[in-house]
C-alpha atoms as a PDB file:
ATOM      1  CA  MET A   1     -16.837  97.713 -60.761  1.00  0.00           C
ATOM      2  CA  ALA A   2     -18.953  98.711 -63.606  1.00  0.00           C
ATOM      3  CA  ARG A   3     -17.265 100.320 -65.897  1.00  0.00           C
ATOM      4  CA  GLY A   4     -18.636 104.106 -66.644  1.00  0.00           C
ATOM      5  CA  ARG A   5     -19.846 103.853 -62.765  1.00  0.00           C
ATOM      6  CA  PRO A   6     -18.902 106.950 -60.761  1.00  0.00           C
ATOM      7  CA  ILE A   7     -17.264 106.015 -57.468  1.00  0.00           C
ATOM      8  CA  GLU A   8     -19.527 107.675 -54.583  1.00  0.00           C
ATOM      9  CA  ALA A   9     -17.681 108.804 -51.484  1.00  0.00           C
ATOM     10  CA  GLY A  10     -19.003 110.209 -48.998  1.00  0.00           C
ATOM     11  CA  GLY A  11     -21.850 112.481 -51.288  1.00  0.00           C
ATOM     12  CA  ILE A  12     -18.104 113.351 -53.384  1.00  0.00           C
ATOM     13  CA  GLU A  13     -18.379 112.291 -57.041  1.00  0.00           C
ATOM     14  CA  LEU A  14     -15.211 110.931 -59.078  1.00  0.00           C
ATOM     15  CA  PRO A  15     -15.955 109.967 -62.233  1.00  0.00           C
ATOM     16  CA  LEU A  16     -14.227 106.902 -63.924  1.00  0.00           C
ATOM     17  CA  CYS A  17     -12.592 107.467 -67.212  1.00  0.00           C
ATOM     18  CA  THR A  18     -13.960 104.643 -69.748  1.00  0.00           C
ATOM     19  CA  GLN A  19     -13.849 104.549 -73.607  1.00  0.00           C
ATOM     20  CA  ARG A  20     -16.668 106.908 -74.257  1.00  0.00           C
ATOM     21  CA  ARG A  21     -15.756 109.788 -72.064  1.00  0.00           C
ATOM     22  CA  SER A  22     -12.521 111.241 -70.514  1.00  0.00           C
ATOM     23  CA  ARG A  23     -11.794 112.514 -66.989  1.00  0.00           C
ATOM     24  CA  VAL A  24      -8.269 113.836 -66.653  1.00  0.00           C
ATOM     25  CA  ARG A  25      -9.490 116.883 -64.581  1.00  0.00           C
ATOM     26  CA  ALA A  26      -7.096 120.058 -62.869  1.00  0.00           C
ATOM     27  CA  GLY A  27      -7.346 120.038 -59.197  1.00  0.00           C
ATOM     28  CA  GLY A  28      -8.921 123.283 -59.079  1.00  0.00           C
ATOM     29  CA  GLY A  29     -12.520 122.595 -58.103  1.00  0.00           C
ATOM     30  CA  HIS A  30     -11.782 120.889 -54.543  1.00  0.00           C
ATOM     31  CA  ASN A  31     -15.013 122.297 -52.771  1.00  0.00           C
ATOM     32  CA  CYS A  32     -15.483 122.972 -49.070  1.00  0.00           C
ATOM     33  CA  LEU A  33     -16.892 119.414 -48.779  1.00  0.00           C
ATOM     34  CA  LYS A  34     -13.843 117.858 -50.063  1.00  0.00           C
ATOM     35  CA  ALA A  35     -11.793 119.853 -48.078  1.00  0.00           C
ATOM     36  CA  PHE A  36     -13.997 118.957 -45.258  1.00  0.00           C
ATOM     37  CA  PHE A  37     -13.474 115.050 -45.684  1.00  0.00           C
ATOM     38  CA  ALA A  38      -9.682 115.698 -46.262  1.00  0.00           C
ATOM     39  CA  LEU A  39      -9.337 117.538 -43.052  1.00  0.00           C
ATOM     40  CA  THR A  40     -12.170 114.617 -40.902  1.00  0.00           C
ATOM     41  CA  LEU A  41      -9.058 111.810 -42.606  1.00  0.00           C
ATOM     42  CA  LEU A  42      -6.726 113.490 -41.360  1.00  0.00           C
ATOM     43  CA  THR A  43      -8.023 113.944 -37.780  1.00  0.00           C
ATOM     44  CA  LEU A  44      -8.787 110.451 -37.132  1.00  0.00           C
ATOM     45  CA  ALA A  45      -5.455 109.131 -38.533  1.00  0.00           C
ATOM     46  CA  SER A  46      -3.735 111.600 -35.925  1.00  0.00           C
ATOM     47  CA  ALA A  47      -6.070 110.194 -33.093  1.00  0.00           C
ATOM     48  CA  ALA A  48      -5.613 106.829 -33.532  1.00  0.00           C
ATOM     49  CA  SER A  49      -1.932 105.322 -32.322  1.00  0.00           C
ATOM     50  CA  ALA A  50       0.434 105.689 -34.588  1.00  0.00           C
ATOM     51  CA  ALA A  51       1.412 102.249 -36.146  1.00  0.00           C
ATOM     52  CA  GLU A  52       4.987 101.345 -35.951  1.00  0.00           C
ATOM     53  CA  PRO A  53       6.525  99.430 -39.186  1.00  0.00           C
ATOM     54  CA  GLN A  54       8.369  95.693 -38.661  1.00  0.00           C
ATOM     55  CA  GLU A  55      10.630  94.680 -40.538  1.00  0.00           C
ATOM     56  CA  VAL A  56      10.082  91.579 -42.625  1.00  0.00           C
ATOM     57  CA  VAL A  57      12.294  89.548 -45.139  1.00  0.00           C
ATOM     58  CA  PHE A  58      11.099  87.506 -48.043  1.00  0.00           C
ATOM     59  CA  PRO A  59      12.799  85.605 -50.925  1.00  0.00           C
ATOM     60  CA  SER A  60      13.216  86.698 -54.908  1.00  0.00           C
ATOM     61  CA  GLY A  61      14.675  84.534 -56.590  1.00  0.00           C
ATOM     62  CA  SER A  62      18.080  83.788 -54.876  1.00  0.00           C
ATOM     63  CA  LEU A  63      17.849  86.696 -52.885  1.00  0.00           C
ATOM     64  CA  GLN A  64      16.772  87.292 -49.376  1.00  0.00           C
ATOM     65  CA  LEU A  65      14.996  90.904 -49.994  1.00  0.00           C
ATOM     66  CA  HIS A  66      13.998  93.078 -46.989  1.00  0.00           C
ATOM     67  CA  GLY A  67      10.807  95.334 -46.472  1.00  0.00           C
ATOM     68  CA  PHE A  68       8.576  97.173 -43.763  1.00  0.00           C
ATOM     69  CA  VAL A  69       5.298  96.619 -42.512  1.00  0.00           C
ATOM     70  CA  PHE A  70       2.541  98.955 -40.909  1.00  0.00           C
ATOM     71  CA  LYS A  71      -0.359  97.015 -39.574  1.00  0.00           C
ATOM     72  CA  PRO A  72      -3.529  98.355 -37.912  1.00  0.00           C
ATOM     73  CA  GLN A  73      -4.751  98.106 -34.168  1.00  0.00           C
ATOM     74  CA  GLY A  74      -6.313  94.773 -33.893  1.00  0.00           C
ATOM     75  CA  ASP A  75      -6.379  91.150 -35.500  1.00  0.00           C
ATOM     76  CA  GLY A  76      -7.851  92.024 -39.092  1.00  0.00           C
ATOM     77  CA  PRO A  77      -7.652  90.044 -41.310  1.00  0.00           C
ATOM     78  CA  PHE A  78      -7.628  94.074 -43.183  1.00  0.00           C
ATOM     79  CA  PRO A  79      -7.353  95.221 -46.663  1.00  0.00           C
ATOM     80  CA  ALA A  80      -3.357  96.054 -47.409  1.00  0.00           C
ATOM     81  CA  VAL A  81      -1.782  97.995 -49.872  1.00  0.00           C
ATOM     82  CA  LEU A  82       1.587  96.892 -51.370  1.00  0.00           C
ATOM     83  CA  TYR A  83       3.753 100.646 -51.838  1.00  0.00           C
ATOM     84  CA  ASN A  84       6.699 100.718 -55.010  1.00  0.00           C
ATOM     85  CA  HIS A  85       9.289 103.086 -54.027  1.00  0.00           C
ATOM     86  CA  GLY A  86      11.077 105.396 -56.381  1.00  0.00           C
ATOM     87  CA  SER A  87      14.654 105.052 -57.283  1.00  0.00           C
ATOM     88  CA  GLU A  88      16.046 106.289 -54.345  1.00  0.00           C
ATOM     89  CA  ARG A  89      19.054 104.392 -52.806  1.00  0.00           C
ATOM     90  CA  ARG A  90      17.472 104.516 -48.907  1.00  0.00           C
ATOM     91  CA  PRO A  91      13.672 104.307 -49.382  1.00  0.00           C
ATOM     92  CA  GLY A  92      13.203 103.329 -45.713  1.00  0.00           C
ATOM     93  CA  THR A  93       9.482 103.203 -44.292  1.00  0.00           C
ATOM     94  CA  LYS A  94       6.993 105.843 -46.267  1.00  0.00           C
ATOM     95  CA  PRO A  95       5.926 106.625 -42.086  1.00  0.00           C
ATOM     96  CA  GLU A  96       3.879 109.468 -43.468  1.00  0.00           C
ATOM     97  CA  ILE A  97       1.814 107.010 -45.974  1.00  0.00           C
ATOM     98  CA  GLY A  98       1.968 103.809 -43.702  1.00  0.00           C
ATOM     99  CA  GLU A  99       0.788 105.840 -40.905  1.00  0.00           C
ATOM    100  CA  PHE A 100      -1.698 107.537 -42.545  1.00  0.00           C
ATOM    101  CA  LEU A 101      -3.478 104.141 -44.130  1.00  0.00           C
ATOM    102  CA  ALA A 102      -2.719 101.935 -41.025  1.00  0.00           C
ATOM    103  CA  ALA A 103      -4.781 104.434 -39.390  1.00  0.00           C
ATOM    104  CA  ASN A 104      -7.743 103.902 -42.046  1.00  0.00           C
ATOM    105  CA  GLY A 105      -7.587 100.410 -41.592  1.00  0.00           C
ATOM    106  CA  TYR A 106      -5.045  98.876 -43.900  1.00  0.00           C
ATOM    107  CA  VAL A 107      -1.923  97.025 -43.572  1.00  0.00           C
ATOM    108  CA  PHE A 108       0.468  99.226 -45.531  1.00  0.00           C
ATOM    109  CA  PHE A 109       3.694  96.979 -46.893  1.00  0.00           C
ATOM    110  CA  VAL A 110       7.121  98.721 -48.628  1.00  0.00           C
ATOM    111  CA  PRO A 111       9.529  95.881 -49.652  1.00  0.00           C
ATOM    112  CA  HIS A 112      12.972  97.488 -50.951  1.00  0.00           C
ATOM    113  CA  ARG A 113      13.746  96.192 -54.519  1.00  0.00           C
ATOM    114  CA  ARG A 114      17.114  94.604 -55.314  1.00  0.00           C
ATOM    115  CA  GLY A 115      19.842  96.786 -54.492  1.00  0.00           C
ATOM    116  CA  GLN A 116      18.232  99.314 -52.568  1.00  0.00           C
ATOM    117  CA  GLY A 117      17.618  99.771 -48.960  1.00  0.00           C
ATOM    118  CA  ARG A 118      18.505  97.036 -46.870  1.00  0.00           C
ATOM    119  CA  SER A 119      17.725  94.529 -50.087  1.00  0.00           C
ATOM    120  CA  PRO A 120      20.957  93.047 -51.333  1.00  0.00           C
ATOM    121  CA  GLY A 121      22.134  93.382 -54.937  1.00  0.00           C
ATOM    122  CA  SER A 122      23.015  95.886 -57.475  1.00  0.00           C
ATOM    123  CA  TYR A 123      21.532  99.501 -56.983  1.00  0.00           C
ATOM    124  CA  ILE A 124      19.751 100.468 -60.340  1.00  0.00           C
ATOM    125  CA  MET A 125      20.993 103.974 -61.146  1.00  0.00           C
ATOM    126  CA  ASP A 126      24.311 103.076 -60.827  1.00  0.00           C
ATOM    127  CA  ALA A 127      23.369 100.426 -63.249  1.00  0.00           C
ATOM    128  CA  LEU A 128      22.089 102.866 -65.913  1.00  0.00           C
ATOM    129  CA  ASN A 129      24.487 105.987 -65.413  1.00  0.00           C
ATOM    130  CA  ASN A 130      27.059 103.411 -65.685  1.00  0.00           C
ATOM    131  CA  ALA A 131      26.174 102.044 -68.722  1.00  0.00           C
ATOM    132  CA  PRO A 132      27.023 103.755 -72.241  1.00  0.00           C
ATOM    133  CA  ARG A 133      24.375 106.494 -72.968  1.00  0.00           C
ATOM    134  CA  ALA A 134      22.609 104.938 -75.936  1.00  0.00           C
ATOM    135  CA  SER A 135      22.172 101.876 -74.556  1.00  0.00           C
ATOM    136  CA  ARG A 136      20.358 103.564 -71.233  1.00  0.00           C
ATOM    137  CA  GLY A 137      17.130 103.875 -72.475  1.00  0.00           C
ATOM    138  CA  GLN A 138      16.685  99.655 -73.473  1.00  0.00           C
ATOM    139  CA  LEU A 139      18.450  99.279 -70.223  1.00  0.00           C
ATOM    140  CA  LEU A 140      15.627 100.884 -68.024  1.00  0.00           C
ATOM    141  CA  VAL A 141      13.057  98.718 -69.308  1.00  0.00           C
ATOM    142  CA  SER A 142      15.119  95.366 -68.757  1.00  0.00           C
ATOM    143  CA  LEU A 143      15.745  96.445 -65.478  1.00  0.00           C
ATOM    144  CA  HIS A 144      12.254  97.394 -64.602  1.00  0.00           C
ATOM    145  CA  ASP A 145      10.982  94.401 -65.605  1.00  0.00           C
ATOM    146  CA  GLN A 146      13.926  92.314 -63.416  1.00  0.00           C
ATOM    147  CA  GLN A 147      12.790  94.548 -60.823  1.00  0.00           C
ATOM    148  CA  GLN A 148       8.675  93.632 -61.552  1.00  0.00           C
ATOM    149  CA  GLU A 149      10.150  89.462 -60.165  1.00  0.00           C
ATOM    150  CA  ASP A 150      10.768  91.233 -56.399  1.00  0.00           C
ATOM    151  CA  VAL A 151       7.342  93.241 -56.973  1.00  0.00           C
ATOM    152  CA  VAL A 152       5.453  89.685 -57.352  1.00  0.00           C
ATOM    153  CA  ALA A 153       7.383  88.461 -54.744  1.00  0.00           C
ATOM    154  CA  ALA A 154       6.529  90.816 -52.295  1.00  0.00           C
ATOM    155  CA  LEU A 155       3.180  90.438 -52.968  1.00  0.00           C
ATOM    156  CA  ALA A 156       3.416  86.645 -52.674  1.00  0.00           C
ATOM    157  CA  PHE A 157       5.149  87.259 -49.330  1.00  0.00           C
ATOM    158  CA  LEU A 158       2.262  89.620 -48.251  1.00  0.00           C
ATOM    159  CA  LYS A 159      -0.632  87.351 -48.692  1.00  0.00           C
ATOM    160  CA  THR A 160       0.969  84.697 -46.294  1.00  0.00           C
ATOM    161  CA  LEU A 161       0.236  87.480 -43.405  1.00  0.00           C
ATOM    162  CA  PRO A 162      -2.489  85.789 -40.961  1.00  0.00           C
ATOM    163  CA  TYR A 163      -3.885  89.351 -41.073  1.00  0.00           C
ATOM    164  CA  VAL A 164      -4.081  90.451 -44.254  1.00  0.00           C
ATOM    165  CA  ASP A 165      -7.400  89.891 -46.382  1.00  0.00           C
ATOM    166  CA  THR A 166      -5.851  88.237 -49.305  1.00  0.00           C
ATOM    167  CA  GLN A 167      -8.925  89.237 -51.626  1.00  0.00           C
ATOM    168  CA  ASN A 168      -8.717  92.974 -51.094  1.00  0.00           C
ATOM    169  CA  ILE A 169      -4.973  93.802 -51.760  1.00  0.00           C
ATOM    170  CA  ALA A 170      -4.060  97.004 -53.804  1.00  0.00           C
ATOM    171  CA  ILE A 171      -1.140  98.224 -55.002  1.00  0.00           C
ATOM    172  CA  ALA A 172       0.810 101.810 -55.195  1.00  0.00           C
ATOM    173  CA  GLY A 173       3.882 103.670 -56.216  1.00  0.00           C
ATOM    174  CA  CYS A 174       5.783 106.588 -56.852  1.00  0.00           C
ATOM    175  CA  SER A 175       7.967 107.473 -60.026  1.00  0.00           C
ATOM    176  CA  PHE A 176       9.959 104.533 -60.421  1.00  0.00           C
ATOM    177  CA  GLY A 177       7.931 102.739 -58.104  1.00  0.00           C
ATOM    178  CA  GLY A 178       4.803 104.104 -60.264  1.00  0.00           C
ATOM    179  CA  ILE A 179       6.121 102.290 -63.089  1.00  0.00           C
ATOM    180  CA  GLN A 180       6.655  99.083 -61.291  1.00  0.00           C
ATOM    181  CA  THR A 181       3.041  99.853 -60.292  1.00  0.00           C
ATOM    182  CA  VAL A 182       1.818  99.923 -64.083  1.00  0.00           C
ATOM    183  CA  LEU A 183       3.530  97.189 -64.865  1.00  0.00           C
ATOM    184  CA  SER A 184       1.823  95.318 -62.254  1.00  0.00           C
ATOM    185  CA  VAL A 185      -1.595  95.952 -63.958  1.00  0.00           C
ATOM    186  CA  GLU A 186      -1.418  94.066 -66.853  1.00  0.00           C
ATOM    187  CA  LYS A 187      -0.470  90.618 -64.850  1.00  0.00           C
ATOM    188  CA  ASP A 188      -3.273  88.210 -63.270  1.00  0.00           C
ATOM    189  CA  LEU A 189      -2.189  89.007 -59.590  1.00  0.00           C
ATOM    190  CA  GLY A 190      -5.456  88.622 -57.636  1.00  0.00           C
ATOM    191  CA  LEU A 191      -4.845  92.107 -57.271  1.00  0.00           C
ATOM    192  CA  ARG A 192      -8.017  94.996 -56.483  1.00  0.00           C
ATOM    193  CA  ALA A 193      -6.927  98.112 -57.901  1.00  0.00           C
ATOM    194  CA  ALA A 194      -3.419 100.444 -58.236  1.00  0.00           C
ATOM    195  CA  VAL A 195      -2.411 103.870 -57.639  1.00  0.00           C
ATOM    196  CA  ALA A 196       0.308 105.036 -59.696  1.00  0.00           C
ATOM    197  CA  PHE A 197       1.826 108.200 -58.690  1.00  0.00           C
ATOM    198  CA  ALA A 198       4.186 110.117 -61.145  1.00  0.00           C
ATOM    199  CA  PRO A 199       5.193 107.060 -63.336  1.00  0.00           C
ATOM    200  CA  ALA A 200       8.069 107.573 -65.236  1.00  0.00           C
ATOM    201  CA  ALA A 201       7.735 111.623 -64.761  1.00  0.00           C
ATOM    202  CA  MET A 202      11.507 112.157 -64.423  1.00  0.00           C
ATOM    203  CA  THR A 203      12.468 109.674 -67.503  1.00  0.00           C
ATOM    204  CA  TRP A 204       9.210 109.950 -69.940  1.00  0.00           C
ATOM    205  CA  ASN A 205      10.704 112.249 -72.139  1.00  0.00           C
ATOM    206  CA  GLY A 206      13.008 111.081 -74.569  1.00  0.00           C
ATOM    207  CA  ALA A 207      12.746 107.283 -72.887  1.00  0.00           C
ATOM    208  CA  ARG A 208      10.773 105.533 -75.914  1.00  0.00           C
ATOM    209  CA  GLY A 209      11.114 102.244 -74.654  1.00  0.00           C
ATOM    210  CA  ILE A 210       9.465 102.842 -71.003  1.00  0.00           C
ATOM    211  CA  GLN A 211       6.894 104.942 -72.782  1.00  0.00           C
ATOM    212  CA  SER A 212       6.559 101.727 -75.435  1.00  0.00           C
ATOM    213  CA  ARG A 213       6.623  99.484 -72.402  1.00  0.00           C
ATOM    214  CA  LEU A 214       3.851 101.474 -70.138  1.00  0.00           C
ATOM    215  CA  THR A 215       1.919 102.162 -72.787  1.00  0.00           C
ATOM    216  CA  ALA A 216       1.595  98.157 -73.647  1.00  0.00           C
ATOM    217  CA  ALA A 217       1.047  97.616 -69.783  1.00  0.00           C
ATOM    218  CA  VAL A 218      -2.314 100.052 -69.782  1.00  0.00           C
ATOM    219  CA  ARG A 219      -3.462  98.300 -72.945  1.00  0.00           C
ATOM    220  CA  HIS A 220      -3.976  95.214 -71.323  1.00  0.00           C
ATOM    221  CA  ALA A 221      -4.931  96.271 -67.623  1.00  0.00           C
ATOM    222  CA  THR A 222      -6.777  93.549 -65.498  1.00  0.00           C
ATOM    223  CA  ILE A 223      -7.443  96.123 -62.755  1.00  0.00           C
ATOM    224  CA  PRO A 224      -8.903  99.422 -62.512  1.00  0.00           C
ATOM    225  CA  LEU A 225      -5.987 102.213 -62.286  1.00  0.00           C
ATOM    226  CA  LEU A 226      -5.759 105.805 -60.596  1.00  0.00           C
ATOM    227  CA  LEU A 227      -3.193 107.992 -62.014  1.00  0.00           C
ATOM    228  CA  LEU A 228      -1.867 111.137 -59.854  1.00  0.00           C
ATOM    229  CA  GLN A 229       0.382 113.996 -60.248  1.00  0.00           C
ATOM    230  CA  ALA A 230       0.915 117.401 -59.054  1.00  0.00           C
ATOM    231  CA  GLU A 231       0.827 120.163 -61.688  1.00  0.00           C
ATOM    232  CA  ASN A 232       5.026 120.796 -61.083  1.00  0.00           C
ATOM    233  CA  ASP A 233       5.869 117.719 -61.591  1.00  0.00           C
ATOM    234  CA  TYR A 234       9.107 117.387 -64.017  1.00  0.00           C
ATOM    235  CA  ASP A 235       6.606 115.873 -66.947  1.00  0.00           C
ATOM    236  CA  LEU A 236       2.936 115.672 -66.773  1.00  0.00           C
ATOM    237  CA  SER A 237       3.269 113.344 -70.092  1.00  0.00           C
ATOM    238  CA  PRO A 238       2.516 109.943 -68.188  1.00  0.00           C
ATOM    239  CA  THR A 239      -0.803 110.566 -66.876  1.00  0.00           C
ATOM    240  CA  ARG A 240      -2.158 112.187 -70.080  1.00  0.00           C
ATOM    241  CA  THR A 241      -0.349 109.753 -72.218  1.00  0.00           C
ATOM    242  CA  LEU A 242      -1.695 106.179 -70.553  1.00  0.00           C
ATOM    243  CA  SER A 243      -5.082 108.069 -69.628  1.00  0.00           C
ATOM    244  CA  GLN A 244      -5.909 108.343 -73.343  1.00  0.00           C
ATOM    245  CA  GLU A 245      -4.687 105.111 -73.873  1.00  0.00           C
ATOM    246  CA  MET A 246      -6.322 103.897 -71.183  1.00  0.00           C
ATOM    247  CA  GLU A 247     -10.014 105.392 -72.878  1.00  0.00           C
ATOM    248  CA  ARG A 248      -8.908 104.118 -75.864  1.00  0.00           C
ATOM    249  CA  ALA A 249      -8.789 100.588 -74.828  1.00  0.00           C
ATOM    250  CA  GLY A 250     -11.926 100.830 -72.515  1.00  0.00           C
ATOM    251  CA  LYS A 251     -10.311 100.202 -69.429  1.00  0.00           C
ATOM    252  CA  THR A 252     -11.903 101.535 -66.082  1.00  0.00           C
ATOM    253  CA  HIS A 253      -9.137 104.038 -64.833  1.00  0.00           C
ATOM    254  CA  LEU A 254      -9.173 107.937 -63.164  1.00  0.00           C
ATOM    255  CA  ALA A 255      -6.783 110.468 -63.644  1.00  0.00           C
ATOM    256  CA  ARG A 256      -5.853 113.705 -61.472  1.00  0.00           C
ATOM    257  CA  ILE A 257      -3.698 116.367 -61.882  1.00  0.00           C
ATOM    258  CA  PHE A 258      -3.770 118.193 -58.352  1.00  0.00           C
ATOM    259  CA  PRO A 259      -2.248 121.826 -58.142  1.00  0.00           C
ATOM    260  CA  ALA A 260       1.240 122.721 -57.807  1.00  0.00           C
ATOM    261  CA  TYR A 261       2.805 120.785 -54.403  1.00  0.00           C
ATOM    262  CA  GLY A 262       5.234 123.416 -53.098  1.00  0.00           C
ATOM    263  CA  THR A 263       7.233 125.366 -54.813  1.00  0.00           C
ATOM    264  CA  THR A 264       9.694 122.894 -57.222  1.00  0.00           C
ATOM    265  CA  GLN A 265       9.640 120.391 -59.829  1.00  0.00           C
ATOM    266  CA  SER A 266      11.086 118.078 -56.935  1.00  0.00           C
ATOM    267  CA  ASP A 267       8.332 119.204 -54.418  1.00  0.00           C
ATOM    268  CA  GLY A 268       5.996 118.137 -57.129  1.00  0.00           C
ATOM    269  CA  HIS A 269       7.474 114.677 -57.409  1.00  0.00           C
ATOM    270  CA  GLY A 270       8.610 113.459 -54.351  1.00  0.00           C
ATOM    271  CA  GLY A 271       6.890 115.576 -51.900  1.00  0.00           C
ATOM    272  CA  PHE A 272       3.642 115.269 -53.651  1.00  0.00           C
ATOM    273  CA  CYS A 273       4.023 111.598 -53.441  1.00  0.00           C
ATOM    274  CA  PHE A 274       5.376 111.350 -49.601  1.00  0.00           C
ATOM    275  CA  ARG A 275       4.559 114.181 -48.113  1.00  0.00           C
ATOM    276  CA  GLY A 276       1.237 115.194 -49.995  1.00  0.00           C
ATOM    277  CA  VAL A 277      -1.265 112.963 -48.166  1.00  0.00           C
ATOM    278  CA  HIS A 278      -3.371 115.466 -46.908  1.00  0.00           C
ATOM    279  CA  VAL A 279      -3.578 116.690 -50.572  1.00  0.00           C
ATOM    280  CA  TRP A 280      -4.258 113.444 -52.068  1.00  0.00           C
ATOM    281  CA  GLY A 281      -5.651 111.191 -49.162  1.00  0.00           C
ATOM    282  CA  SER A 282      -9.405 111.172 -49.333  1.00  0.00           C
ATOM    283  CA  GLU A 283      -9.332 110.560 -53.035  1.00  0.00           C
ATOM    284  CA  VAL A 284      -7.137 107.407 -52.668  1.00  0.00           C
ATOM    285  CA  LEU A 285      -9.119 106.125 -49.961  1.00  0.00           C
ATOM    286  CA  ALA A 286     -12.205 106.497 -51.775  1.00  0.00           C
ATOM    287  CA  PHE A 287     -10.947 104.951 -55.197  1.00  0.00           C
ATOM    288  CA  LEU A 288      -9.558 101.759 -52.803  1.00  0.00           C
ATOM    289  CA  ALA A 289     -12.942 101.911 -50.890  1.00  0.00           C
ATOM    290  CA  SER A 290     -14.723 101.483 -54.138  1.00  0.00           C
ATOM    291  CA  ASN A 291     -12.907  98.672 -55.871  1.00  0.00           C
ATOM    292  CA  ARG A 292     -13.056  96.418 -52.594  1.00  0.00           C
ATOM    293  CA  HIS A 293     -14.384  92.971 -52.837  1.00  0.00           C
ATOM    294  CA  ARG A 294     -17.562  92.660 -50.633  1.00  0.00           C
END
């Protein structure tokens, strides 16, 4: 995709950020046409048969990790989204997102990283909370780099599924999963695009190690990145800082800060990611479609 060219989705122009021009926009300018498209997409999603996730097992080093796959109706091959969950101990299947994307023709894969959900290993938050406070910042970076191995292993597994179009796989995630998504963009993994919701929004302030790690990752991005947050998230610095860094590096990206979702910071963080499909769904679909291999 050429840098600086707008994404066009049903007559809605979604400009990309480039080295010359920044596009971090407030979300208050939604017009009736965009609302119409969002409603149309949700109506189509509701009309389609709800996809039932299938539990799968895949290797990551010596571990056998678990995850869940939502598949659209039909034989495929379908484009796919690998979705990185957050820091929650039991990530589940993310049904709201899975059903929405499957209804719109995407395979949706939620791998459970080590120590979370149904996957064996040490839980990342236990490791952080049990460590001396002075060492938690660097440990956070080390643990995310370790968990990135699980993400790469999950992607390798996803590519083996016969109904997946391996030339059209994107990656996404929220919070800690947003961190994993940003770390993935610097690697040559054969991905088409990335969508990061609120990466490090709860840990950014005071966590210089993770700030530096993510800034370096976007500086060397190999694929377009969409950064999304709600205005009442814990900290909007990740979207603003990473967008500015990509701007300086001339990397293709789009940054969106939506109006407040719900009433609390928790609503604006995880609630926005997992239950806000009706708010961000049309924009994410447009971004994914604009970066598909034809």
